[in-house]
Amino acid sequence: MSAALIAGCTNLPVDGPSHHDITGAATASVNNERRQVAYDYVLVDVSDKVIDCLLDIGPGSFFRSFGTGRGPAPTITVGVGDVVQVTIFESSAGGLFIPPEAGVRPGNFVSLPPQTVNRNGTISVPYAGDVQAAGRTPQQIKVDVEKALSVRAVEPQVVVTLVEQTAMSATIISLNGSSRLQIRPNERILDVVARAGSSSIPGYEMFITLQRRGHRATVYFPALMNDPRENIYVQPGDTIYVYREQQKFVATGALGAGGVTSGVTGLFPFEQEQLSLNEALAKAGGLVDGRANPQAFLYRMEPRETLERMGVDTGKFPPAAKFIPTVYRANFRDPSVFFFAQRFPMRNKDAIYVANADSVELEKFIAHSTAITSYVAGTTLDVLVTRDSIRALRR
């Protein structure tokens, strides 16, 4: 009868194949050994030193990635495709550009038509020939033109004006669309973002990605506002991407979100600029009394240098690994851990897990054992009743 009951279980309604069906029907597989951890990780207990190492870590850094926060602003130079205009002044009439009948008066000048810097990077100035313009400042171009005209013009003075700038520009992509903006002197990331405009979205959901010469970095907008070092100078050819992303964390295990007492699994938004571990546990409903283990575990990928500052020996991990799987543990039986958890910063896509208490697992085993023994006892009673009924009928 037991064999028949077990065989009958295969015909019970289910949502899909069992894990035995999936693993057994595979044509080929790569499996980890039994009880082997698939991913090596670091276990770190929350402490004051650990929190001090975490407070200044964000999703990225322009300052650390590009290192131009403290240096001078980039020099704005003329590039191929830019439009410039050259104005030439002579001290008296009868010179190269000012006819004798113009009279003697200060400010005798002639403005040449605006011209585009050609593919060779030069512009053409009468009696001066082709003058190199690309990669040079208007002041440098002015000096070259004056030098070339000095042998023919009367004390020439030259003014070079950048009429239209296309080469020295940056591309910005935001929720409002995309555009190319001419870079102004001493202009920084926030200046360009402000000029481009952005939709009315919360600052705590805004991220800015900068791509420069094949490298990229992403900075959380509040970090860009709070740390002047991150607001670096814009350079020609930069691409700035402004986007919105709601920060969230995952919570699972013996937590009581929404009044649930049997455990919860959910995705919870930050809905604020900074969220602590205490606040995250509160959003997830807190530890379920009578069921939860007092230890809460937080999973994330942590930069190698951060762990080394904490005193973790990272020599057991591959040298090329910049980020190391890390599990932080907060034991809430320690009264002081609440102070640490209030300062512990959550990050986007963190995962919190609270295991069941050992007593709960014991209760599950007892309940399971009781169900089996009750079933066996009930089956035995049914067999005896059936046997007695058959004997009574035969009589």
Protein backbone atom coordinates (compact mmCIF):
# COMPACT_ATOMS: atom_id res chain seq x y z
CA MET A 1 0.00 0.00 0.00
CA SER A 2 2.86 2.39 0.81
CA ALA A 3 4.46 1.72 -2.58
CA ALA A 4 1.14 2.40 -4.29
CA LEU A 5 0.71 5.67 -2.41
CA ILE A 6 4.22 6.84 -3.33
CA ALA A 7 3.66 5.95 -6.97
CA GLY A 8 0.36 7.83 -6.91
CA CYS A 9 2.12 11.02 -5.84
CA THR A 10 3.54 11.36 -9.36
CA ASN A 11 0.02 11.99 -10.64
CA LEU A 12 -0.79 14.81 -8.18
CA PRO A 13 -1.28 18.30 -9.75
CA VAL A 14 1.84 20.49 -9.77
CA ASP A 15 2.96 23.82 -11.26
CA GLY A 16 5.80 22.21 -13.21
CA PRO A 17 8.43 19.47 -13.21
CA SER A 18 10.13 18.57 -9.95
CA HIS A 19 13.81 19.28 -9.34
CA HIS A 20 14.46 15.54 -9.72
CA ASP A 21 12.92 15.63 -13.21
CA ILE A 22 14.98 18.65 -14.22
CA THR A 23 18.33 17.32 -12.96
CA GLY A 24 17.71 13.77 -14.14
CA ALA A 25 16.61 14.66 -17.68
CA ALA A 26 19.63 16.87 -18.51
CA THR A 27 21.69 15.69 -21.47
CA ALA A 28 24.84 17.30 -20.04
CA SER A 29 25.52 19.25 -16.86
CA VAL A 30 28.21 20.95 -14.78
CA ASN A 31 27.45 20.34 -11.11
CA ASN A 32 29.08 21.40 -7.88
CA GLU A 33 30.03 18.71 -5.44
CA ARG A 34 27.55 17.98 -2.70
CA ARG A 35 27.71 20.57 0.12
CA GLN A 36 30.31 22.57 -1.78
CA VAL A 37 29.86 26.37 -1.80
CA ALA A 38 29.48 27.57 -5.38
CA TYR A 39 30.94 31.01 -4.64
CA ASP A 40 33.70 31.84 -2.16
CA TYR A 41 32.76 34.77 0.03
CA VAL A 42 33.89 36.84 3.03
CA LEU A 43 31.95 36.99 6.30
CA VAL A 44 32.27 40.32 8.14
CA ASP A 45 30.66 41.23 11.46
CA VAL A 46 29.25 44.76 11.58
CA SER A 47 31.44 47.02 13.70
CA ASP A 48 32.48 50.63 14.03
CA LYS A 49 35.62 50.10 11.92
CA VAL A 50 33.64 48.35 9.20
CA ILE A 51 31.12 51.19 8.98
CA ASP A 52 33.86 53.83 8.78
CA CYS A 53 35.24 52.02 5.72
CA LEU A 54 31.81 51.91 4.06
CA LEU A 55 30.49 55.44 4.50
CA ASP A 56 32.45 56.99 1.60
CA ILE A 57 31.80 54.18 -0.88
CA GLY A 58 29.25 54.81 -3.65
CA PRO A 59 28.38 53.36 -7.04
CA GLY A 60 31.37 55.11 -8.61
CA SER A 61 33.59 58.18 -8.62
CA PHE A 62 34.51 60.69 -11.32
CA PHE A 63 37.38 61.97 -9.20
CA ARG A 64 38.97 58.52 -8.72
CA SER A 65 38.23 57.42 -12.29
CA PHE A 66 39.45 60.48 -14.19
CA GLY A 67 41.48 62.38 -11.62
CA THR A 68 40.76 65.88 -12.93
CA GLY A 69 38.94 67.36 -9.99
CA ARG A 70 41.79 69.50 -8.66
CA GLY A 71 43.66 70.40 -11.85
CA PRO A 72 43.04 73.48 -14.00
CA ALA A 73 40.14 73.67 -16.41
CA PRO A 74 40.87 72.22 -19.86
CA THR A 75 42.06 74.75 -22.43
CA ILE A 76 39.43 75.55 -25.04
CA THR A 77 41.09 75.27 -28.45
CA VAL A 78 39.88 75.60 -32.03
CA GLY A 79 39.06 72.37 -33.83
CA VAL A 80 38.27 71.12 -37.32
CA GLY A 81 34.78 72.29 -38.28
CA ASP A 82 34.81 75.36 -36.03
CA VAL A 83 34.01 78.73 -37.60
CA VAL A 84 36.40 81.62 -36.87
CA GLN A 85 36.60 85.24 -37.94
CA VAL A 86 39.80 87.27 -38.27
CA THR A 87 39.79 91.07 -37.87
CA ILE A 88 42.96 92.99 -38.81
CA PHE A 89 43.76 96.50 -37.51
CA GLU A 90 46.42 98.83 -38.93
CA SER A 91 47.78 101.91 -37.24
CA SER A 92 47.34 104.20 -40.28
CA ALA A 93 45.80 104.42 -43.72
CA GLY A 94 47.76 103.42 -46.78
CA GLY A 95 48.74 100.09 -45.37
CA LEU A 96 48.10 96.61 -46.72
CA PHE A 97 44.38 96.51 -45.89
CA ILE A 98 43.45 100.19 -45.30
CA PRO A 99 43.42 102.34 -48.52
CA PRO A 100 45.03 105.85 -48.45
CA GLU A 101 41.68 107.58 -49.02
CA ALA A 102 40.38 106.12 -45.73
CA GLY A 103 42.14 108.97 -43.96
CA VAL A 104 44.17 108.93 -40.82
CA ARG A 105 42.07 107.85 -37.88
CA PRO A 106 42.46 105.34 -35.06
CA GLY A 107 40.81 101.99 -35.43
CA ASN A 108 41.37 101.36 -39.12
CA PHE A 109 40.43 97.71 -39.60
CA VAL A 110 39.04 95.10 -41.95
CA SER A 111 37.04 92.01 -40.98
CA LEU A 112 37.59 88.93 -43.08
CA PRO A 113 34.59 86.70 -43.85
CA PRO A 114 34.00 83.93 -41.31
CA GLN A 115 35.57 80.67 -42.40
CA THR A 116 35.45 77.06 -41.31
CA VAL A 117 38.63 75.32 -40.17
CA ASN A 118 39.30 72.81 -42.92
CA ARG A 119 40.22 69.14 -42.63
CA ASN A 120 43.89 70.07 -42.58
CA GLY A 121 43.24 72.20 -39.49
CA THR A 122 44.09 75.51 -41.19
CA ILE A 123 42.44 78.80 -42.15
CA SER A 124 43.45 81.13 -44.97
CA VAL A 125 44.46 84.76 -44.32
CA PRO A 126 45.38 87.04 -47.28
CA TYR A 127 49.12 87.73 -47.49
CA ALA A 128 49.68 85.39 -44.53
CA GLY A 129 48.82 82.14 -46.28
CA ASP A 130 47.48 79.08 -44.52
CA VAL A 131 47.63 79.41 -40.76
CA GLN A 132 47.38 76.42 -38.44
CA ALA A 133 44.24 76.75 -36.30
CA ALA A 134 43.18 73.30 -35.09
CA GLY A 135 44.42 72.44 -31.61
CA ARG A 136 45.39 76.03 -30.90
CA THR A 137 43.81 78.85 -28.93
CA PRO A 138 42.56 82.05 -30.60
CA GLN A 139 45.43 83.89 -28.91
CA GLN A 140 48.00 81.58 -30.50
CA ILE A 141 46.40 82.00 -33.93
CA LYS A 142 46.45 85.80 -33.47
CA VAL A 143 50.21 85.80 -32.81
CA ASP A 144 50.93 83.76 -35.95
CA VAL A 145 48.83 86.01 -38.19
CA GLU A 146 50.45 89.19 -36.81
CA LYS A 147 53.90 87.72 -37.36
CA ALA A 148 53.10 86.78 -40.98
CA LEU A 149 51.66 90.25 -41.77
CA SER A 150 54.26 92.33 -39.95
CA VAL A 151 56.52 92.63 -43.01
CA ARG A 152 53.74 94.13 -45.21
CA ALA A 153 51.04 95.68 -43.04
CA VAL A 154 51.39 98.83 -40.93
CA GLU A 155 51.81 97.68 -37.32
CA PRO A 156 49.13 94.99 -37.67
CA GLN A 157 47.00 94.01 -34.70
CA VAL A 158 44.77 90.95 -35.07
CA VAL A 159 41.65 89.76 -33.25
CA VAL A 160 40.57 86.11 -33.76
CA THR A 161 36.99 85.35 -32.76
CA LEU A 162 35.47 81.90 -32.41
CA VAL A 163 32.10 82.39 -34.12
CA GLU A 164 30.77 78.83 -34.00
CA GLN A 165 32.20 75.95 -32.01
CA THR A 166 31.47 72.35 -32.97
CA ALA A 167 34.68 70.48 -32.20
CA MET A 168 34.88 71.55 -28.55
CA SER A 169 31.54 70.15 -27.46
CA ALA A 170 30.11 67.46 -25.24
CA THR A 171 27.12 65.18 -25.76
CA ILE A 172 24.51 64.94 -23.03
CA ILE A 173 21.74 62.34 -23.02
CA SER A 174 18.91 62.70 -20.52
CA LEU A 175 15.21 62.01 -20.13
CA ASN A 176 14.55 65.15 -22.19
CA GLY A 177 16.47 63.79 -25.18
CA SER A 178 20.02 64.27 -26.43
CA SER A 179 22.00 67.32 -27.50
CA ARG A 180 25.50 68.59 -28.17
CA LEU A 181 26.58 71.54 -26.06
CA GLN A 182 29.53 73.81 -26.67
CA ILE A 183 31.89 73.72 -23.74
CA ARG A 184 32.37 77.02 -21.99
CA PRO A 185 35.52 77.93 -20.08
CA ASN A 186 35.69 76.47 -16.56
CA GLU A 187 32.52 74.44 -17.10
CA ARG A 188 31.91 71.42 -14.86
CA ILE A 189 29.58 68.40 -14.92
CA LEU A 190 26.77 70.06 -12.96
CA ASP A 191 26.97 73.14 -15.20
CA VAL A 192 26.36 71.05 -18.32
CA VAL A 193 23.57 69.06 -16.66
CA ALA A 194 21.88 72.31 -15.61
CA ARG A 195 22.18 73.81 -19.11
CA ALA A 196 20.71 70.70 -20.71
CA GLY A 197 17.82 70.62 -18.25
CA SER A 198 16.28 67.50 -16.72
CA SER A 199 12.86 66.19 -15.90
CA SER A 200 11.40 66.75 -12.47
CA ILE A 201 12.57 63.51 -10.90
CA PRO A 202 13.74 63.02 -7.30
CA GLY A 203 17.45 63.62 -6.86
CA TYR A 204 17.77 60.36 -4.90
CA GLU A 205 16.75 58.43 -8.03
CA MET A 206 19.16 60.18 -10.42
CA PHE A 207 22.50 58.79 -11.63
CA ILE A 208 25.06 60.39 -13.96
CA THR A 209 27.41 58.37 -16.17
CA LEU A 210 30.45 60.01 -17.77
CA GLN A 211 32.20 58.37 -20.73
CA ARG A 212 35.60 59.78 -21.67
CA ARG A 213 38.26 58.34 -23.98
CA GLY A 214 36.99 54.76 -23.68
CA HIS A 215 36.50 54.87 -19.89
CA ARG A 216 33.29 55.33 -17.96
CA ALA A 217 32.15 55.93 -14.39
CA THR A 218 28.76 56.40 -12.74
CA VAL A 219 28.09 58.69 -9.80
CA TYR A 220 25.01 58.98 -7.62
CA PHE A 221 23.60 62.50 -8.06
CA PRO A 222 23.48 63.36 -4.31
CA ALA A 223 27.16 62.32 -4.07
CA LEU A 224 27.94 64.71 -6.92
CA MET A 225 26.15 67.49 -5.05
CA ASN A 226 27.71 66.76 -1.66
CA ASP A 227 31.33 66.19 -2.73
CA PRO A 228 32.87 69.07 -4.75
CA ARG A 229 35.71 66.79 -5.88
CA GLU A 230 33.25 64.75 -7.97
CA ASN A 231 32.12 67.82 -9.92
CA ILE A 232 35.04 67.67 -12.34
CA TYR A 233 35.66 69.77 -15.45
CA VAL A 234 33.99 68.78 -18.71
CA GLN A 235 36.31 68.00 -21.61
CA PRO A 236 35.73 67.96 -25.38
CA GLY A 237 34.25 64.71 -26.60
CA ASP A 238 32.69 63.78 -23.25
CA THR A 239 29.40 61.90 -23.25
CA ILE A 240 27.20 62.49 -20.20
CA TYR A 241 24.23 60.22 -19.57
CA VAL A 242 21.64 61.29 -17.00
CA TYR A 243 19.16 58.59 -16.07
CA ARG A 244 16.67 57.61 -13.40
CA GLU A 245 16.90 54.40 -11.40
CA GLN A 246 14.92 53.60 -8.30
CA GLN A 247 17.20 52.11 -5.66
CA LYS A 248 15.88 48.84 -4.23
CA PHE A 249 16.91 45.98 -1.97
CA VAL A 250 15.74 42.39 -1.62
CA ALA A 251 14.63 40.97 1.73
CA THR A 252 13.82 37.32 2.36
CA GLY A 253 13.49 34.92 5.26
CA ALA A 254 11.93 35.27 8.70
CA LEU A 255 10.71 38.83 8.23
CA GLY A 256 7.22 40.19 8.81
CA ALA A 257 6.43 42.73 6.08
CA GLY A 258 2.73 43.46 5.78
CA GLY A 259 1.90 41.57 8.96
CA VAL A 260 3.11 38.27 7.52
CA THR A 261 4.30 35.94 10.28
CA SER A 262 5.43 33.02 8.13
CA GLY A 263 8.23 34.79 6.33
CA VAL A 264 8.48 37.23 3.42
CA THR A 265 10.31 37.65 0.12
CA GLY A 266 10.07 41.04 -1.50
CA LEU A 267 11.68 43.89 -3.41
CA PHE A 268 11.62 47.14 -1.42
CA PRO A 269 12.40 50.65 -2.76
CA PHE A 270 14.62 53.04 -0.81
CA GLU A 271 12.37 56.07 -1.48
CA GLN A 272 15.02 58.32 0.11
CA GLU A 273 18.61 59.40 -0.44
CA GLN A 274 20.20 57.27 2.28
CA LEU A 275 18.86 54.12 3.90
CA SER A 276 20.37 52.36 6.91
CA LEU A 277 20.24 48.65 7.73
CA ASN A 278 17.85 49.40 10.60
CA GLU A 279 15.47 51.24 8.27
CA ALA A 280 15.70 48.48 5.66
CA LEU A 281 14.76 45.82 8.22
CA ALA A 282 11.87 48.01 9.36
CA LYS A 283 10.62 48.32 5.76
CA ALA A 284 10.69 44.52 5.52
CA GLY A 285 8.64 44.19 8.69
CA GLY A 286 11.40 43.39 11.15
CA LEU A 287 12.45 40.03 12.53
CA VAL A 288 9.47 37.74 13.25
CA ASP A 289 9.26 37.06 16.97
CA GLY A 290 9.44 33.36 17.82
CA ARG A 291 10.67 32.37 14.38
CA ALA A 292 13.67 34.46 13.32
CA ASN A 293 17.29 33.83 14.16
CA PRO A 294 18.61 37.03 15.80
CA GLN A 295 21.34 37.33 13.13
CA ALA A 296 20.62 39.29 9.95
CA PHE A 297 22.85 38.74 6.90
CA LEU A 298 23.43 41.29 4.15
CA TYR A 299 24.86 40.17 0.77
CA ARG A 300 26.72 42.44 -1.65
CA MET A 301 29.81 42.67 -3.89
CA GLU A 302 32.42 44.79 -2.10
CA PRO A 303 35.54 46.45 -3.60
CA ARG A 304 38.71 44.57 -2.72
CA GLU A 305 40.48 47.64 -1.33
CA THR A 306 37.55 48.32 1.02
CA LEU A 307 37.81 44.85 2.53
CA GLU A 308 41.55 45.22 2.90
CA ARG A 309 41.05 48.44 4.88
CA MET A 310 38.77 46.45 7.19
CA GLY A 311 41.58 43.96 7.82
CA VAL A 312 40.22 41.13 5.64
CA ASP A 313 42.82 38.79 4.14
CA THR A 314 41.91 38.86 0.44
CA GLY A 315 44.88 36.71 -0.58
CA LYS A 316 42.60 33.66 -0.92
CA PHE A 317 40.74 35.30 -3.78
CA PRO A 318 42.04 35.69 -7.37
CA PRO A 319 44.31 38.75 -7.70
CA ALA A 320 42.30 40.00 -10.69
CA ALA A 321 39.06 40.10 -8.68
CA LYS A 322 38.25 43.77 -8.05
CA PHE A 323 35.00 42.94 -6.26
CA ILE A 324 34.63 40.15 -3.71
CA PRO A 325 31.37 38.51 -2.55
CA THR A 326 30.79 39.70 1.01
CA VAL A 327 28.26 38.77 3.69
CA TYR A 328 27.81 41.21 6.58
CA ARG A 329 26.39 39.84 9.82
CA ALA A 330 24.51 41.83 12.47
CA ASN A 331 23.67 39.94 15.66
CA PHE A 332 20.64 41.65 17.23
CA ARG A 333 21.09 39.84 20.53
CA ASP A 334 23.88 42.36 21.11
CA PRO A 335 22.16 45.55 22.38
CA SER A 336 24.83 47.78 20.81
CA VAL A 337 24.28 46.41 17.30
CA PHE A 338 21.28 48.72 16.87
CA PHE A 339 23.64 51.71 16.93
CA PHE A 340 25.84 50.11 14.27
CA ALA A 341 22.85 49.08 12.13
CA GLN A 342 21.56 52.65 12.19
CA ARG A 343 24.84 53.84 10.63
CA PHE A 344 25.35 50.92 8.25
CA PRO A 345 24.58 52.26 4.72
CA MET A 346 22.45 50.21 2.36
CA ARG A 347 23.27 50.15 -1.35
CA ASN A 348 21.26 49.54 -4.46
CA LYS A 349 20.47 45.82 -5.04
CA ASP A 350 21.62 44.68 -1.59
CA ALA A 351 20.04 41.44 -0.34
CA ILE A 352 19.01 40.84 3.30
CA TYR A 353 18.39 37.35 4.63
CA VAL A 354 17.15 36.31 8.08
CA ALA A 355 17.30 32.58 8.79
CA ASN A 356 14.90 30.61 10.95
CA ALA A 357 15.81 29.97 14.56
CA ASP A 358 17.10 26.48 15.38
CA SER A 359 13.98 25.82 17.47
CA VAL A 360 11.80 26.43 14.41
CA GLU A 361 13.64 23.78 12.46
CA LEU A 362 13.16 21.38 15.37
CA GLU A 363 9.45 22.18 15.43
CA LYS A 364 9.24 21.49 11.70
CA PHE A 365 10.90 18.11 12.20
CA ILE A 366 8.58 17.20 15.05
CA ALA A 367 5.52 18.27 13.09
CA HIS A 368 6.69 16.28 10.06
CA SER A 369 7.39 13.21 12.20
CA THR A 370 4.01 13.53 13.90
CA ALA A 371 2.27 13.72 10.55
CA ILE A 372 3.99 10.51 9.39
CA THR A 373 3.27 8.58 12.58
CA SER A 374 -0.33 9.81 12.59
CA TYR A 375 -0.74 8.68 9.00
CA VAL A 376 0.75 5.26 9.77
CA ALA A 377 -1.42 4.90 12.87
CA GLY A 378 -4.51 5.94 10.94
CA THR A 379 -3.72 3.53 8.13
CA THR A 380 -3.20 0.69 10.61
CA LEU A 381 -6.54 1.48 12.29
CA ASP A 382 -8.27 1.52 8.91
CA VAL A 383 -6.78 -1.88 8.06
CA LEU A 384 -8.00 -3.35 11.38
CA VAL A 385 -11.48 -1.89 10.94
CA THR A 386 -11.66 -3.20 7.37
CA ARG A 387 -10.50 -6.67 8.50
CA ASP A 388 -13.07 -6.81 11.30
CA SER A 389 -15.82 -5.66 8.91
CA ILE A 390 -14.94 -8.40 6.43
CA ARG A 391 -15.00 -11.04 9.16
CA ALA A 392 -18.38 -9.78 10.37
CA LEU A 393 -19.84 -10.00 6.86
CA ARG A 394 -18.59 -13.57 6.45
CA ARG A 395 -20.42 -14.57 9.60
